[in-house]
Amino acid sequence: MPRDVKDGHYTIMVRIEHKDGTIEWRDIDYVIDATAPELVVDVPEAVYVGELMHVTVDPLEPVKEVYVTLPGVAKARVALHVDLETGLYEGEIRVPDGVTTEELLLRVVAIDLARNRVERELKVAVSFAGGC
């Protein structure tokens, strides 16, 4: 498919040749989607070292995968799971005990059905006392 074709719904006609030699023509619908999904991300304003941080993501379109990481702090990658009633993706990632900065970088990654990938980075304030 040429790269200059615009996003949208298209129909093409395909020729199918069966083993017995018969020819069949069929219309096939397909979608071109080169745009990554937009994300609405909800995280706490502040977290404590060692606690689980709850993350909720609304990808605003169907996606096949959403996950979160803590770049530069932990190698953990936590998959978020869809709530079939709300369509929101949710999960928890632990704030590592070794965090020494006052802000934690959280990266949310979503991959849509057309394999478009989007990353959204947020900073969350970190508290060092009084957590669970």
C-alpha atoms as a PDB file:
ATOM      1  CA  MET A   1       0.000   0.000   0.000  1.00  0.00           C
ATOM      2  CA  PRO A   2       1.461   3.396  -0.916  1.00  0.00           C
ATOM      3  CA  ARG A   3       2.330   5.541   2.101  1.00  0.00           C
ATOM      4  CA  ASP A   4       0.387   8.532   0.756  1.00  0.00           C
ATOM      5  CA  VAL A   5      -3.009   6.806   1.017  1.00  0.00           C
ATOM      6  CA  LYS A   6      -5.189   8.616   3.552  1.00  0.00           C
ATOM      7  CA  ASP A   7      -6.639   6.967   6.639  1.00  0.00           C
ATOM      8  CA  GLY A   8     -10.096   5.595   6.043  1.00  0.00           C
ATOM      9  CA  HIS A   9     -12.263   2.641   5.067  1.00  0.00           C
ATOM     10  CA  TYR A  10     -11.623   1.093   1.658  1.00  0.00           C
ATOM     11  CA  THR A  11     -12.968  -1.769  -0.436  1.00  0.00           C
ATOM     12  CA  ILE A  12     -10.870  -3.746  -2.894  1.00  0.00           C
ATOM     13  CA  MET A  13     -11.835  -6.548  -5.233  1.00  0.00           C
ATOM     14  CA  VAL A  14      -9.726  -9.695  -4.953  1.00  0.00           C
ATOM     15  CA  ARG A  15      -9.468 -12.633  -7.297  1.00  0.00           C
ATOM     16  CA  ILE A  16      -9.485 -16.055  -5.649  1.00  0.00           C
ATOM     17  CA  GLU A  17      -8.491 -19.129  -7.633  1.00  0.00           C
ATOM     18  CA  HIS A  18      -9.645 -22.337  -5.958  1.00  0.00           C
ATOM     19  CA  LYS A  19      -7.870 -25.708  -6.209  1.00  0.00           C
ATOM     20  CA  ASP A  20     -10.502 -26.975  -8.637  1.00  0.00           C
ATOM     21  CA  GLY A  21      -9.689 -24.069 -10.976  1.00  0.00           C
ATOM     22  CA  THR A  22     -12.821 -22.022 -10.358  1.00  0.00           C
ATOM     23  CA  ILE A  23     -12.356 -18.282 -10.091  1.00  0.00           C
ATOM     24  CA  GLU A  24     -14.175 -16.203  -7.509  1.00  0.00           C
ATOM     25  CA  TRP A  25     -14.199 -12.421  -7.170  1.00  0.00           C
ATOM     26  CA  ARG A  26     -14.866 -11.003  -3.730  1.00  0.00           C
ATOM     27  CA  ASP A  27     -15.053  -7.490  -2.271  1.00  0.00           C
ATOM     28  CA  ILE A  28     -12.868  -7.111   0.811  1.00  0.00           C
ATOM     29  CA  ASP A  29     -13.202  -4.185   3.210  1.00  0.00           C
ATOM     30  CA  TYR A  30     -10.146  -2.878   5.029  1.00  0.00           C
ATOM     31  CA  VAL A  31      -9.121   0.120   7.099  1.00  0.00           C
ATOM     32  CA  ILE A  32      -5.992   2.224   6.907  1.00  0.00           C
ATOM     33  CA  ASP A  33      -5.124   3.694  10.295  1.00  0.00           C
ATOM     34  CA  ALA A  34      -1.756   5.409  10.621  1.00  0.00           C
ATOM     35  CA  THR A  35      -2.735   7.526  13.617  1.00  0.00           C
ATOM     36  CA  ALA A  36      -1.761   6.487  17.132  1.00  0.00           C
ATOM     37  CA  PRO A  37      -4.509   6.535  19.763  1.00  0.00           C
ATOM     38  CA  GLU A  38      -4.925   9.438  22.147  1.00  0.00           C
ATOM     39  CA  LEU A  39      -4.618   8.564  25.824  1.00  0.00           C
ATOM     40  CA  VAL A  40      -6.319   9.944  28.902  1.00  0.00           C
ATOM     41  CA  VAL A  41      -4.233   8.824  31.884  1.00  0.00           C
ATOM     42  CA  ASP A  42      -5.277   9.004  35.537  1.00  0.00           C
ATOM     43  CA  VAL A  43      -2.640   8.567  38.264  1.00  0.00           C
ATOM     44  CA  PRO A  44      -2.419   9.758  41.872  1.00  0.00           C
ATOM     45  CA  GLU A  45      -1.007  13.249  42.466  1.00  0.00           C
ATOM     46  CA  ALA A  46       1.575  11.759  44.819  1.00  0.00           C
ATOM     47  CA  VAL A  47       2.811   8.294  45.781  1.00  0.00           C
ATOM     48  CA  TYR A  48       4.866   6.844  48.604  1.00  0.00           C
ATOM     49  CA  VAL A  49       8.041   4.845  48.110  1.00  0.00           C
ATOM     50  CA  GLY A  50       7.215   1.135  48.252  1.00  0.00           C
ATOM     51  CA  GLU A  51       3.486   1.499  47.580  1.00  0.00           C
ATOM     52  CA  LEU A  52       1.441   0.351  44.597  1.00  0.00           C
ATOM     53  CA  MET A  53       0.482   3.172  42.243  1.00  0.00           C
ATOM     54  CA  HIS A  54      -2.900   2.683  40.553  1.00  0.00           C
ATOM     55  CA  VAL A  55      -2.962   3.675  36.872  1.00  0.00           C
ATOM     56  CA  THR A  56      -6.099   4.058  34.733  1.00  0.00           C
ATOM     57  CA  VAL A  57      -5.941   4.688  30.981  1.00  0.00           C
ATOM     58  CA  ASP A  58      -8.688   5.536  28.515  1.00  0.00           C
ATOM     59  CA  PRO A  59      -7.197   5.036  25.032  1.00  0.00           C
ATOM     60  CA  LEU A  60     -10.202   6.700  23.301  1.00  0.00           C
ATOM     61  CA  GLU A  61     -10.158   3.989  20.591  1.00  0.00           C
ATOM     62  CA  PRO A  62      -9.784   0.208  20.520  1.00  0.00           C
ATOM     63  CA  VAL A  63      -6.277  -0.965  21.426  1.00  0.00           C
ATOM     64  CA  LYS A  64      -4.655  -4.350  21.778  1.00  0.00           C
ATOM     65  CA  GLU A  65      -2.127  -3.527  24.497  1.00  0.00           C
ATOM     66  CA  VAL A  66      -1.517  -0.921  27.211  1.00  0.00           C
ATOM     67  CA  TYR A  67       1.352  -1.063  29.693  1.00  0.00           C
ATOM     68  CA  VAL A  68       3.311   1.151  32.088  1.00  0.00           C
ATOM     69  CA  THR A  69       6.985   1.430  32.976  1.00  0.00           C
ATOM     70  CA  LEU A  70       9.149   3.523  35.294  1.00  0.00           C
ATOM     71  CA  PRO A  71      12.028   4.564  32.992  1.00  0.00           C
ATOM     72  CA  GLY A  72      15.373   4.934  34.661  1.00  0.00           C
ATOM     73  CA  VAL A  73      14.125   3.560  37.976  1.00  0.00           C
ATOM     74  CA  ALA A  74      12.872   0.027  37.546  1.00  0.00           C
ATOM     75  CA  LYS A  75      12.888  -2.510  34.754  1.00  0.00           C
ATOM     76  CA  ALA A  76       9.316  -3.482  35.535  1.00  0.00           C
ATOM     77  CA  ARG A  77       6.766  -3.454  32.754  1.00  0.00           C
ATOM     78  CA  VAL A  78       3.209  -3.864  33.968  1.00  0.00           C
ATOM     79  CA  ALA A  79       0.411  -4.731  31.558  1.00  0.00           C
ATOM     80  CA  LEU A  80      -2.849  -2.916  32.207  1.00  0.00           C
ATOM     81  CA  HIS A  81      -6.037  -4.948  31.864  1.00  0.00           C
ATOM     82  CA  VAL A  82      -9.273  -3.775  30.305  1.00  0.00           C
ATOM     83  CA  ASP A  83     -12.447  -3.489  32.366  1.00  0.00           C
ATOM     84  CA  LEU A  84     -15.043  -4.758  29.899  1.00  0.00           C
ATOM     85  CA  GLU A  85     -17.797  -2.653  31.475  1.00  0.00           C
ATOM     86  CA  THR A  86     -15.977   0.690  31.326  1.00  0.00           C
ATOM     87  CA  GLY A  87     -13.477   0.086  28.507  1.00  0.00           C
ATOM     88  CA  LEU A  88     -10.742   1.521  30.740  1.00  0.00           C
ATOM     89  CA  TYR A  89      -7.359  -0.152  31.199  1.00  0.00           C
ATOM     90  CA  GLU A  90      -6.225  -0.441  34.816  1.00  0.00           C
ATOM     91  CA  GLY A  91      -3.345  -1.825  36.824  1.00  0.00           C
ATOM     92  CA  GLU A  92      -0.814  -1.135  39.539  1.00  0.00           C
ATOM     93  CA  ILE A  93       2.924  -0.652  39.492  1.00  0.00           C
ATOM     94  CA  ARG A  94       5.045  -0.629  42.644  1.00  0.00           C
ATOM     95  CA  VAL A  95       7.103   2.467  43.414  1.00  0.00           C
ATOM     96  CA  PRO A  96      10.532   0.945  44.116  1.00  0.00           C
ATOM     97  CA  ASP A  97      12.120   1.346  47.554  1.00  0.00           C
ATOM     98  CA  GLY A  98      15.272   2.754  45.948  1.00  0.00           C
ATOM     99  CA  VAL A  99      13.620   5.890  44.544  1.00  0.00           C
ATOM    100  CA  THR A 100      15.520   8.982  45.697  1.00  0.00           C
ATOM    101  CA  THR A 101      13.976  11.716  43.546  1.00  0.00           C
ATOM    102  CA  GLU A 102      10.994  13.890  44.428  1.00  0.00           C
ATOM    103  CA  GLU A 103       9.296  13.093  41.119  1.00  0.00           C
ATOM    104  CA  LEU A 104       8.830   9.747  39.443  1.00  0.00           C
ATOM    105  CA  LEU A 105       8.622   9.445  35.668  1.00  0.00           C
ATOM    106  CA  LEU A 106       5.815   7.128  34.539  1.00  0.00           C
ATOM    107  CA  ARG A 107       5.605   6.033  30.898  1.00  0.00           C
ATOM    108  CA  VAL A 108       2.301   4.723  29.524  1.00  0.00           C
ATOM    109  CA  VAL A 109       2.460   2.890  26.198  1.00  0.00           C
ATOM    110  CA  ALA A 110      -0.522   1.887  24.059  1.00  0.00           C
ATOM    111  CA  ILE A 111      -0.555  -0.085  20.820  1.00  0.00           C
ATOM    112  CA  ASP A 112      -3.702   0.028  18.735  1.00  0.00           C
ATOM    113  CA  LEU A 113      -5.157  -2.608  16.438  1.00  0.00           C
ATOM    114  CA  ALA A 114      -3.200  -1.215  13.461  1.00  0.00           C
ATOM    115  CA  ARG A 115       0.043  -1.477  15.511  1.00  0.00           C
ATOM    116  CA  ASN A 116       0.344   2.282  15.936  1.00  0.00           C
ATOM    117  CA  ARG A 117       2.227   3.005  19.135  1.00  0.00           C
ATOM    118  CA  VAL A 118       1.909   5.998  21.428  1.00  0.00           C
ATOM    119  CA  GLU A 119       3.869   6.845  24.582  1.00  0.00           C
ATOM    120  CA  ARG A 120       2.755   9.302  27.207  1.00  0.00           C
ATOM    121  CA  GLU A 121       5.050  10.359  30.040  1.00  0.00           C
ATOM    122  CA  LEU A 122       3.846  11.850  33.333  1.00  0.00           C
ATOM    123  CA  LYS A 123       5.607  12.924  36.491  1.00  0.00           C
ATOM    124  CA  VAL A 124       4.207  11.900  39.859  1.00  0.00           C
ATOM    125  CA  ALA A 125       5.333  13.456  43.147  1.00  0.00           C
ATOM    126  CA  VAL A 126       7.091  11.042  45.527  1.00  0.00           C
ATOM    127  CA  SER A 127       6.793  11.102  49.326  1.00  0.00           C
ATOM    128  CA  PHE A 128       9.279   9.278  51.508  1.00  0.00           C
ATOM    129  CA  ALA A 129       7.369   8.892  54.790  1.00  0.00           C
ATOM    130  CA  GLY A 130       3.915   7.888  55.905  1.00  0.00           C
ATOM    131  CA  GLY A 131       3.162   5.360  53.140  1.00  0.00           C
ATOM    132  CA  CYS A 132       1.971   1.792  53.575  1.00  0.00           C
END
